[in-house]
């Protein structure tokens, strides 16, 4: 068996941070209208209060108004999905767990589908007044509502059963997909295009205002999840053992679920469904640095940000005719990784 030497956090985190910064600069420089690195530095210095020229107005508009908000939003969304994935995997004690497992993504997608197809029938005045700006609010509300529903189903006299929550999440995902399929069947061609675009994920709507909104809500989610690292390590020993160590198990479960739902809800609300980042990033960090949640969670945030930035760069540059959905690219990478994890788990069960 191949053994990979574990990297200590003091080495892993700086390497991931430098990698993320390099990828963000690369993504900012490349696209349909390339911006040279010298112009990027000049524009950043100009915005910081040290103007000295060295760039054209077109370069400034492309970089500051279009490219940088998109790169920043991609990094934020990837960090949220990566840490949410690590949190869910630690909470369920299963490396195959995904942030969408408890129905957050499906609930958000369902709310968007209902708003796109039926919103003009239910709330015509509201839809006419706010238009597409209602979709992020609907997605966030749908994700949180789905999480609360699953949590309520799983909560019993003895606390929250993670097995019941998992099954409830699977059932909710199936029901949501069925309703989304019905909405797609009843949708017009224009509505179907909007619905498909949303479900496949995209950073095309990135602005500094959107990035700021995601950063504000995401900072709370990231801080809460990061603070749970030690408690999640204790939960890995079992709930009874964690209680003996002084961990408030039910409180930790609730905080982890709410913070994970907030992270995924913010991501889906503004960027649509971007799958598998929350599965791949924590697993890669676990292979490199071991199972310590205090290392895996921030490491997964950094790697998830890097993966999302790379996927968005590929989505913008691989096709000349049209931009590819970022969710398609992450699924093309994440699905084989998921199958590899399943095969690895099967071999462990079959080993004598």
Protein backbone atom coordinates (compact mmCIF):
# COMPACT_ATOMS: atom_id res chain seq x y z
CA UNK A 1 0.00 0.00 0.00
CA UNK A 2 1.23 3.47 -0.87
CA UNK A 3 1.79 5.66 2.18
CA UNK A 4 1.83 9.43 1.71
CA UNK A 5 3.90 11.39 4.19
CA UNK A 6 1.62 13.78 6.06
CA UNK A 7 2.34 17.48 5.75
CA UNK A 8 2.23 19.57 8.93
CA UNK A 9 -0.19 22.48 8.98
CA UNK A 10 2.65 25.02 9.16
CA UNK A 11 3.73 23.88 5.68
CA UNK A 12 0.38 22.92 4.17
CA UNK A 13 -1.45 26.19 4.82
CA UNK A 14 1.22 28.53 3.36
CA UNK A 15 1.57 26.29 0.29
CA UNK A 16 -2.19 26.29 -0.28
CA UNK A 17 -2.40 30.05 0.29
CA UNK A 18 0.37 30.76 -2.25
CA UNK A 19 -1.23 28.34 -4.72
CA UNK A 20 -4.60 30.04 -4.33
CA UNK A 21 -3.09 33.51 -4.81
CA UNK A 22 -1.20 32.39 -7.93
CA UNK A 23 -4.33 30.80 -9.40
CA UNK A 24 -6.41 33.91 -8.67
CA UNK A 25 -3.87 36.13 -10.45
CA UNK A 26 -3.77 33.69 -13.38
CA UNK A 27 -7.55 33.66 -13.60
CA UNK A 28 -7.67 37.45 -13.43
CA UNK A 29 -5.16 37.76 -16.27
CA UNK A 30 -6.70 35.27 -18.70
CA UNK A 31 -9.95 35.24 -20.60
CA UNK A 32 -11.48 36.53 -23.80
CA UNK A 33 -9.62 39.81 -23.20
CA UNK A 34 -6.21 39.04 -21.65
CA UNK A 35 -4.77 41.51 -19.15
CA UNK A 36 -0.96 41.40 -18.70
CA UNK A 37 0.44 41.01 -15.16
CA UNK A 38 2.04 44.46 -15.29
CA UNK A 39 -1.37 46.02 -15.95
CA UNK A 40 -2.91 44.01 -13.10
CA UNK A 41 -0.28 45.31 -10.66
CA UNK A 42 -0.73 48.88 -11.94
CA UNK A 43 -4.53 48.69 -11.57
CA UNK A 44 -4.32 47.26 -8.05
CA UNK A 45 -1.85 49.97 -7.04
CA UNK A 46 -4.15 52.59 -8.57
CA UNK A 47 -7.11 51.31 -6.54
CA UNK A 48 -4.94 51.27 -3.41
CA UNK A 49 -4.19 54.99 -3.81
CA UNK A 50 -0.86 54.90 -5.67
CA UNK A 51 -1.75 55.81 -9.28
CA UNK A 52 1.06 55.84 -11.82
CA UNK A 53 -0.58 54.70 -15.08
CA UNK A 54 0.55 51.69 -17.04
CA UNK A 55 -2.88 50.42 -18.09
CA UNK A 56 -5.62 51.29 -20.55
CA UNK A 57 -9.23 52.14 -19.67
CA UNK A 58 -10.35 48.90 -21.30
CA UNK A 59 -7.97 46.88 -19.14
CA UNK A 60 -9.20 48.66 -16.03
CA UNK A 61 -12.85 47.99 -16.87
CA UNK A 62 -12.30 44.33 -17.71
CA UNK A 63 -10.19 43.63 -14.64
CA UNK A 64 -11.87 45.68 -11.95
CA UNK A 65 -15.51 45.54 -13.03
CA UNK A 66 -15.67 42.02 -14.46
CA UNK A 67 -12.70 39.74 -13.84
CA UNK A 68 -11.71 40.44 -10.21
CA UNK A 69 -15.25 40.26 -8.77
CA UNK A 70 -15.69 36.93 -10.51
CA UNK A 71 -12.40 35.54 -9.23
CA UNK A 72 -13.14 36.78 -5.71
CA UNK A 73 -16.62 35.25 -5.76
CA UNK A 74 -15.24 31.95 -7.04
CA UNK A 75 -12.68 31.83 -4.23
CA UNK A 76 -15.33 32.65 -1.62
CA UNK A 77 -17.80 30.06 -2.91
CA UNK A 78 -15.09 27.39 -3.15
CA UNK A 79 -13.95 28.11 0.40
CA UNK A 80 -17.51 27.84 1.70
CA UNK A 81 -18.20 24.59 -0.14
CA UNK A 82 -14.85 23.09 0.86
CA UNK A 83 -15.23 23.81 4.56
CA UNK A 84 -18.90 22.82 4.54
CA UNK A 85 -17.91 19.50 3.00
CA UNK A 86 -15.24 18.92 5.63
CA UNK A 87 -17.74 19.78 8.37
CA UNK A 88 -20.40 17.41 7.04
CA UNK A 89 -17.87 14.59 6.63
CA UNK A 90 -16.65 15.05 10.20
CA UNK A 91 -20.21 15.30 11.52
CA UNK A 92 -21.43 12.16 9.72
CA UNK A 93 -18.06 10.44 10.24
CA UNK A 94 -18.14 9.50 6.56
CA UNK A 95 -15.61 10.68 3.94
CA UNK A 96 -18.29 10.27 1.25
CA UNK A 97 -20.58 12.88 2.82
CA UNK A 98 -21.32 15.99 0.78
CA UNK A 99 -22.77 19.39 1.76
CA UNK A 100 -25.83 18.67 -0.35
CA UNK A 101 -26.46 15.46 1.56
CA UNK A 102 -28.89 17.10 3.97
CA UNK A 103 -30.90 18.70 1.18
CA UNK A 104 -29.55 22.25 1.20
CA UNK A 105 -28.68 22.38 -2.50
CA UNK A 106 -31.87 20.60 -3.56
CA UNK A 107 -34.02 22.85 -1.41
CA UNK A 108 -32.39 25.95 -2.87
CA UNK A 109 -32.70 24.64 -6.43
CA UNK A 110 -36.36 23.75 -5.83
CA UNK A 111 -37.15 27.25 -4.57
CA UNK A 112 -35.48 28.78 -7.62
CA UNK A 113 -37.35 26.44 -9.98
CA UNK A 114 -40.70 27.34 -8.41
CA UNK A 115 -39.87 31.05 -8.54
CA UNK A 116 -38.81 30.93 -12.20
CA UNK A 117 -41.75 28.89 -13.45
CA UNK A 118 -44.60 29.89 -11.12
CA UNK A 119 -43.47 33.14 -9.49
CA UNK A 120 -45.25 35.35 -12.05
CA UNK A 121 -48.49 33.49 -11.28
CA UNK A 122 -48.27 33.59 -7.49
CA UNK A 123 -46.71 37.03 -6.92
CA UNK A 124 -46.99 38.95 -10.22
CA UNK A 125 -46.42 42.40 -8.69
CA UNK A 126 -43.41 41.28 -6.69
CA UNK A 127 -41.81 39.49 -9.65
CA UNK A 128 -42.40 42.50 -11.89
CA UNK A 129 -40.84 44.84 -9.34
CA UNK A 130 -37.75 42.81 -8.44
CA UNK A 131 -37.26 40.43 -11.36
CA UNK A 132 -34.24 38.12 -11.22
CA UNK A 133 -33.03 39.67 -7.97
CA UNK A 134 -35.61 37.48 -6.21
CA UNK A 135 -33.79 34.28 -7.19
CA UNK A 136 -30.91 34.54 -4.67
CA UNK A 137 -33.38 35.28 -1.87
CA UNK A 138 -35.56 32.34 -2.93
CA UNK A 139 -32.55 30.01 -3.14
CA UNK A 140 -31.27 30.97 0.29
CA UNK A 141 -34.72 30.63 1.87
CA UNK A 142 -35.24 27.26 0.19
CA UNK A 143 -31.90 25.92 1.38
CA UNK A 144 -32.47 26.98 4.97
CA UNK A 145 -36.07 25.66 4.95
CA UNK A 146 -34.89 22.27 3.65
CA UNK A 147 -32.24 22.08 6.35
CA UNK A 148 -34.71 22.93 9.10
CA UNK A 149 -37.15 20.31 7.79
CA UNK A 150 -34.51 17.58 7.74
CA UNK A 151 -33.30 18.61 11.19
CA UNK A 152 -36.84 18.49 12.56
CA UNK A 153 -37.41 15.01 11.13
CA UNK A 154 -34.14 13.72 12.59
CA UNK A 155 -34.63 15.21 16.03
CA UNK A 156 -36.13 12.82 18.59
CA UNK A 157 -36.28 12.43 22.37
CA UNK A 158 -32.67 11.26 22.44
CA UNK A 159 -31.36 14.10 20.27
CA UNK A 160 -30.59 14.33 16.58
CA UNK A 161 -30.01 11.00 14.85
CA UNK A 162 -27.43 11.44 12.09
CA UNK A 163 -28.62 8.24 10.37
CA UNK A 164 -32.20 9.55 10.25
CA UNK A 165 -30.97 12.93 9.03
CA UNK A 166 -29.05 11.21 6.23
CA UNK A 167 -32.13 9.25 5.14
CA UNK A 168 -34.33 12.34 5.43
CA UNK A 169 -31.86 14.27 3.27
CA UNK A 170 -31.91 11.54 0.62
CA UNK A 171 -35.71 11.55 0.63
CA UNK A 172 -35.86 15.34 0.39
CA UNK A 173 -33.36 15.35 -2.48
CA UNK A 174 -35.47 12.83 -4.39
CA UNK A 175 -38.69 14.77 -3.80
CA UNK A 176 -37.07 18.08 -4.76
CA UNK A 177 -35.68 16.63 -7.99
CA UNK A 178 -39.12 15.27 -8.86
CA UNK A 179 -40.75 18.68 -8.39
CA UNK A 180 -37.94 20.37 -10.31
CA UNK A 181 -38.52 17.89 -13.14
CA UNK A 182 -42.23 18.74 -13.13
CA UNK A 183 -41.47 22.47 -13.17
CA UNK A 184 -39.06 21.93 -16.08
CA UNK A 185 -41.78 20.06 -17.98
CA UNK A 186 -44.24 22.94 -17.49
CA UNK A 187 -41.72 25.71 -18.16
CA UNK A 188 -41.53 27.79 -21.30
CA UNK A 189 -38.37 27.73 -23.41
CA UNK A 190 -37.06 30.90 -21.78
CA UNK A 191 -37.85 29.64 -18.28
CA UNK A 192 -36.24 26.29 -19.06
CA UNK A 193 -33.02 28.00 -20.17
CA UNK A 194 -32.90 30.01 -16.94
CA UNK A 195 -33.62 26.94 -14.85
CA UNK A 196 -30.98 24.84 -16.60
CA UNK A 197 -28.40 27.62 -16.31
CA UNK A 198 -29.07 27.91 -12.57
CA UNK A 199 -28.92 24.19 -11.89
CA UNK A 200 -25.58 23.84 -13.68
CA UNK A 201 -23.93 26.66 -11.74
CA UNK A 202 -22.16 29.78 -12.96
CA UNK A 203 -20.21 32.78 -11.68
CA UNK A 204 -21.40 34.94 -14.56
CA UNK A 205 -23.46 37.20 -12.31
CA UNK A 206 -20.50 38.20 -10.14
CA UNK A 207 -20.22 41.82 -9.01
CA UNK A 208 -18.47 43.45 -6.08
CA UNK A 209 -21.86 43.76 -4.37
CA UNK A 210 -22.55 40.04 -4.76
CA UNK A 211 -19.04 39.13 -3.59
CA UNK A 212 -19.49 41.40 -0.58
CA UNK A 213 -22.82 39.79 0.34
CA UNK A 214 -21.34 36.30 0.09
CA UNK A 215 -18.29 37.38 2.09
CA UNK A 216 -20.45 38.84 4.88
CA UNK A 217 -22.63 35.77 5.31
CA UNK A 218 -19.80 33.37 4.52
CA UNK A 219 -17.50 34.84 7.15
CA UNK A 220 -20.00 33.92 9.86
CA UNK A 221 -20.37 30.37 8.53
CA UNK A 222 -16.60 29.88 8.19
CA UNK A 223 -15.93 31.21 11.69
CA UNK A 224 -18.53 28.93 13.29
CA UNK A 225 -17.32 25.85 11.43
CA UNK A 226 -13.66 26.57 12.19
CA UNK A 227 -14.48 26.88 15.90
CA UNK A 228 -15.99 23.37 15.89
CA UNK A 229 -12.81 21.56 14.86
CA UNK A 230 -11.85 20.26 18.29
CA UNK A 231 -15.40 19.14 19.08
CA UNK A 232 -15.71 17.35 15.74
CA UNK A 233 -12.47 15.51 16.50
CA UNK A 234 -14.04 14.31 19.73
CA UNK A 235 -17.20 13.25 17.89
CA UNK A 236 -15.07 11.02 15.67
CA UNK A 237 -14.60 8.80 18.74
CA UNK A 238 -18.37 8.40 19.11
CA UNK A 239 -21.11 10.46 20.72
CA UNK A 240 -20.85 8.76 24.13
CA UNK A 241 -17.08 9.28 24.26
CA UNK A 242 -17.47 12.90 23.17
CA UNK A 243 -19.94 13.54 25.99
CA UNK A 244 -17.46 12.07 28.48
CA UNK A 245 -14.90 14.54 27.16
CA UNK A 246 -17.25 17.42 27.92
CA UNK A 247 -18.52 18.08 24.38
CA UNK A 248 -22.07 19.42 24.11
CA UNK A 249 -22.92 16.97 21.34
CA UNK A 250 -26.38 18.28 20.41
CA UNK A 251 -25.16 21.88 20.37
CA UNK A 252 -22.23 20.94 18.14
CA UNK A 253 -24.57 19.11 15.76
CA UNK A 254 -26.92 22.07 15.55
CA UNK A 255 -24.12 24.61 14.98
CA UNK A 256 -22.44 22.43 12.36
CA UNK A 257 -25.70 21.88 10.47
CA UNK A 258 -26.74 25.54 10.56
CA UNK A 259 -23.29 26.82 9.59
CA UNK A 260 -23.01 24.26 6.79
CA UNK A 261 -26.47 25.18 5.53
CA UNK A 262 -25.58 28.88 5.63
CA UNK A 263 -22.38 28.25 3.66
CA UNK A 264 -24.06 26.15 0.97
CA UNK A 265 -27.13 28.39 0.91
CA UNK A 266 -25.02 31.50 0.23
CA UNK A 267 -23.17 29.67 -2.54
CA UNK A 268 -26.25 28.28 -4.28
CA UNK A 269 -28.15 31.55 -3.86
CA UNK A 270 -25.74 33.54 -6.00
CA UNK A 271 -23.96 30.93 -8.15
CA UNK A 272 -26.34 28.01 -8.58
CA UNK A 273 -25.50 24.40 -7.83
CA UNK A 274 -21.74 23.67 -7.98
CA UNK A 275 -21.27 20.04 -7.06
CA UNK A 276 -18.44 17.87 -5.76
CA UNK A 277 -16.14 20.66 -4.51
CA UNK A 278 -17.24 19.87 -0.96
CA UNK A 279 -16.45 16.19 -1.55
CA UNK A 280 -13.10 16.41 -3.33
CA UNK A 281 -11.36 19.18 -1.37
CA UNK A 282 -11.66 17.65 2.14
CA UNK A 283 -10.64 14.22 0.86
CA UNK A 284 -7.47 15.60 -0.77
CA UNK A 285 -6.51 17.47 2.40
CA UNK A 286 -7.19 14.35 4.49
CA UNK A 287 -4.80 12.38 2.27
CA UNK A 288 -2.12 15.04 2.63
CA UNK A 289 -2.44 15.99 6.28
CA UNK A 290 -4.41 13.30 8.10
CA UNK A 291 -7.89 13.31 9.65
CA UNK A 292 -7.52 16.16 12.19
CA UNK A 293 -10.58 18.36 11.59
CA UNK A 294 -8.68 21.43 12.79
CA UNK A 295 -6.41 20.99 9.76
CA UNK A 296 -8.82 19.46 7.26
CA UNK A 297 -11.46 22.19 7.55
CA UNK A 298 -9.32 25.29 6.83
CA UNK A 299 -7.24 23.27 4.35
CA UNK A 300 -10.40 22.24 2.51
CA UNK A 301 -11.49 25.89 2.41
CA UNK A 302 -8.22 26.92 0.73
CA UNK A 303 -8.19 23.99 -1.68
CA UNK A 304 -11.91 24.37 -2.46
CA UNK A 305 -11.29 28.02 -3.34
CA UNK A 306 -8.41 27.03 -5.62
CA UNK A 307 -10.44 24.30 -7.34
CA UNK A 308 -13.37 26.63 -7.98
CA UNK A 309 -11.15 29.37 -9.39
CA UNK A 310 -9.50 26.85 -11.74
CA UNK A 311 -12.87 25.42 -12.79
CA UNK A 312 -14.21 28.88 -13.57
CA UNK A 313 -11.09 29.75 -15.56
CA UNK A 314 -11.56 26.58 -17.58
CA UNK A 315 -15.26 27.35 -18.05
CA UNK A 316 -14.37 30.76 -19.50
CA UNK A 317 -11.50 29.69 -21.74
CA UNK A 318 -12.09 26.12 -22.97
CA UNK A 319 -14.97 27.03 -25.26
CA UNK A 320 -14.62 29.91 -27.69
CA UNK A 321 -18.28 30.05 -28.68
CA UNK A 322 -19.94 30.08 -25.24
CA UNK A 323 -19.08 29.83 -21.56
CA UNK A 324 -19.32 26.35 -20.08
CA UNK A 325 -21.31 25.82 -16.85
CA UNK A 326 -18.87 25.50 -13.96
CA UNK A 327 -21.02 22.82 -12.34
CA UNK A 328 -20.44 20.56 -15.34
CA UNK A 329 -16.67 20.82 -15.00
CA UNK A 330 -16.65 20.19 -11.24
CA UNK A 331 -18.91 17.16 -11.76
CA UNK A 332 -16.60 15.77 -14.46
CA UNK A 333 -13.74 15.87 -11.97
CA UNK A 334 -15.69 15.04 -8.83
CA UNK A 335 -17.67 12.05 -10.09
CA UNK A 336 -14.57 9.90 -10.82
CA UNK A 337 -13.15 10.86 -7.42
CA UNK A 338 -16.41 9.81 -5.77
CA UNK A 339 -16.30 6.44 -7.56
CA UNK A 340 -12.67 5.99 -6.51
CA UNK A 341 -13.65 6.63 -2.89
CA UNK A 342 -16.42 4.05 -3.15
CA UNK A 343 -14.02 1.46 -4.56
CA UNK A 344 -11.50 2.22 -1.84
CA UNK A 345 -14.15 1.83 0.86
CA UNK A 346 -15.27 -1.48 -0.66
CA UNK A 347 -11.72 -2.84 -0.69
CA UNK A 348 -11.35 -1.97 2.99
CA UNK A 349 -14.54 -3.85 3.83
CA UNK A 350 -13.45 -6.85 1.80
CA UNK A 351 -9.92 -6.93 3.25
CA UNK A 352 -9.37 -9.81 5.73
